Amino acid sequence: MDGCFWHGCPIHATQPRQNAKFWRDKIATNQARDRLVTRQLRARGWRVLRLWEHELTRKYERRLLARLRRIGLLDASTA
């Protein structure tokens, strides 16, 4: 689960005004590490599912369940 702030969610990310360059660099580094770790895990045969923090809220529940069904991580009969 990627935090919307820490990993630069395209929907919910905010840009702090204090130390703006530091935060831009920090979030860019986090995103680069996320891509690297995802590639490394997939190379080792893992199935990687990256979720945004906001996707774990009730508002996005149906969308998340549909996504889990689509990729075979949730049985079609599950609510």
C-alpha atoms as a PDB file:
ATOM      1  CA  MET A   1       0.000   0.000   0.000  1.00  0.00           C
ATOM      2  CA  ASP A   2       1.450   3.290  -1.096  1.00  0.00           C
ATOM      3  CA  GLY A   3       0.592   6.343   0.947  1.00  0.00           C
ATOM      4  CA  CYS A   4      -0.923   9.081  -1.200  1.00  0.00           C
ATOM      5  CA  PHE A   5       1.454  11.738   0.143  1.00  0.00           C
ATOM      6  CA  TRP A   6       4.651   9.697   0.440  1.00  0.00           C
ATOM      7  CA  HIS A   7       4.420   8.071  -2.975  1.00  0.00           C
ATOM      8  CA  GLY A   8       2.920  10.921  -5.017  1.00  0.00           C
ATOM      9  CA  CYS A   9      -0.633   9.782  -5.720  1.00  0.00           C
ATOM     10  CA  PRO A  10      -1.850  11.484  -8.911  1.00  0.00           C
ATOM     11  CA  ILE A  11      -5.234  12.129  -7.252  1.00  0.00           C
ATOM     12  CA  HIS A  12      -4.398  13.072  -3.660  1.00  0.00           C
ATOM     13  CA  ALA A  13      -0.751  14.068  -3.478  1.00  0.00           C
ATOM     14  CA  THR A  14      -0.021  17.509  -2.077  1.00  0.00           C
ATOM     15  CA  GLN A  15       3.067  19.619  -2.585  1.00  0.00           C
ATOM     16  CA  PRO A  16       4.338  21.179   0.634  1.00  0.00           C
ATOM     17  CA  ARG A  17       5.436  24.795   0.354  1.00  0.00           C
ATOM     18  CA  GLN A  18       8.074  24.472   3.059  1.00  0.00           C
ATOM     19  CA  ASN A  19      11.218  22.752   1.753  1.00  0.00           C
ATOM     20  CA  ALA A  20       9.513  22.170  -1.623  1.00  0.00           C
ATOM     21  CA  LYS A  21      12.633  20.876  -3.391  1.00  0.00           C
ATOM     22  CA  PHE A  22      13.376  18.430  -0.567  1.00  0.00           C
ATOM     23  CA  TRP A  23       9.853  16.997  -0.777  1.00  0.00           C
ATOM     24  CA  ARG A  24       9.836  16.788  -4.590  1.00  0.00           C
ATOM     25  CA  ASP A  25      13.144  14.900  -4.455  1.00  0.00           C
ATOM     26  CA  LYS A  26      11.989  12.687  -1.580  1.00  0.00           C
ATOM     27  CA  ILE A  27       8.779  11.658  -3.330  1.00  0.00           C
ATOM     28  CA  ALA A  28      10.606  11.111  -6.643  1.00  0.00           C
ATOM     29  CA  THR A  29      13.092   8.867  -4.814  1.00  0.00           C
ATOM     30  CA  ASN A  30      10.223   6.929  -3.219  1.00  0.00           C
ATOM     31  CA  GLN A  31       8.613   6.425  -6.631  1.00  0.00           C
ATOM     32  CA  ALA A  32      11.889   5.251  -8.174  1.00  0.00           C
ATOM     33  CA  ARG A  33      12.380   2.787  -5.310  1.00  0.00           C
ATOM     34  CA  ASP A  34       8.799   1.547  -5.751  1.00  0.00           C
ATOM     35  CA  ARG A  35       9.478   0.805  -9.429  1.00  0.00           C
ATOM     36  CA  LEU A  36      12.763  -0.935  -8.594  1.00  0.00           C
ATOM     37  CA  VAL A  37      11.251  -3.098  -5.859  1.00  0.00           C
ATOM     38  CA  THR A  38       8.307  -4.024  -8.096  1.00  0.00           C
ATOM     39  CA  ARG A  39      10.686  -5.088 -10.884  1.00  0.00           C
ATOM     40  CA  GLN A  40      12.838  -7.092  -8.464  1.00  0.00           C
ATOM     41  CA  LEU A  41       9.865  -8.906  -6.964  1.00  0.00           C
ATOM     42  CA  ARG A  42       8.387  -9.710 -10.382  1.00  0.00           C
ATOM     43  CA  ALA A  43      11.773 -11.015 -11.546  1.00  0.00           C
ATOM     44  CA  ARG A  44      11.625 -13.441  -8.629  1.00  0.00           C
ATOM     45  CA  GLY A  45       8.185 -14.654  -9.647  1.00  0.00           C
ATOM     46  CA  TRP A  46       6.045 -12.618  -7.269  1.00  0.00           C
ATOM     47  CA  ARG A  47       2.736 -11.108  -8.306  1.00  0.00           C
ATOM     48  CA  VAL A  48       2.870  -7.468  -7.245  1.00  0.00           C
ATOM     49  CA  LEU A  49      -0.244  -5.442  -6.578  1.00  0.00           C
ATOM     50  CA  ARG A  50       0.348  -1.790  -5.762  1.00  0.00           C
ATOM     51  CA  LEU A  51      -2.515   0.018  -4.070  1.00  0.00           C
ATOM     52  CA  TRP A  52      -2.927   3.656  -3.180  1.00  0.00           C
ATOM     53  CA  GLU A  53      -3.888   4.514   0.368  1.00  0.00           C
ATOM     54  CA  HIS A  54      -7.188   6.008  -0.817  1.00  0.00           C
ATOM     55  CA  GLU A  55      -8.146   2.748  -2.553  1.00  0.00           C
ATOM     56  CA  LEU A  56      -8.650   1.159   0.865  1.00  0.00           C
ATOM     57  CA  THR A  57     -11.572   3.439   1.736  1.00  0.00           C
ATOM     58  CA  ARG A  58     -15.266   2.580   1.429  1.00  0.00           C
ATOM     59  CA  LYS A  59     -15.591   5.000  -1.485  1.00  0.00           C
ATOM     60  CA  TYR A  60     -13.312   2.801  -3.615  1.00  0.00           C
ATOM     61  CA  GLU A  61     -14.331  -0.599  -2.210  1.00  0.00           C
ATOM     62  CA  ARG A  62     -16.283  -1.805  -5.250  1.00  0.00           C
ATOM     63  CA  ARG A  63     -13.494  -0.753  -7.611  1.00  0.00           C
ATOM     64  CA  LEU A  64     -10.875  -2.538  -5.505  1.00  0.00           C
ATOM     65  CA  LEU A  65     -12.924  -5.729  -5.246  1.00  0.00           C
ATOM     66  CA  ALA A  66     -13.467  -5.720  -9.025  1.00  0.00           C
ATOM     67  CA  ARG A  67      -9.729  -5.274  -9.552  1.00  0.00           C
ATOM     68  CA  LEU A  68      -8.927  -8.172  -7.203  1.00  0.00           C
ATOM     69  CA  ARG A  69     -11.431 -10.388  -9.029  1.00  0.00           C
ATOM     70  CA  ARG A  70     -10.073  -9.372 -12.439  1.00  0.00           C
ATOM     71  CA  ILE A  71      -6.527 -10.414 -11.542  1.00  0.00           C
ATOM     72  CA  GLY A  72      -7.649 -13.615  -9.836  1.00  0.00           C
ATOM     73  CA  LEU A  73      -6.930 -12.693  -6.217  1.00  0.00           C
ATOM     74  CA  LEU A  74     -10.578 -12.799  -5.188  1.00  0.00           C
ATOM     75  CA  ASP A  75     -13.237 -15.369  -6.020  1.00  0.00           C
ATOM     76  CA  ALA A  76     -16.033 -14.040  -8.242  1.00  0.00           C
ATOM     77  CA  SER A  77     -18.645 -15.075  -5.663  1.00  0.00           C
ATOM     78  CA  THR A  78     -17.074 -12.915  -2.940  1.00  0.00           C
ATOM     79  CA  ALA A  79     -18.975  -9.748  -2.106  1.00  0.00           C
END
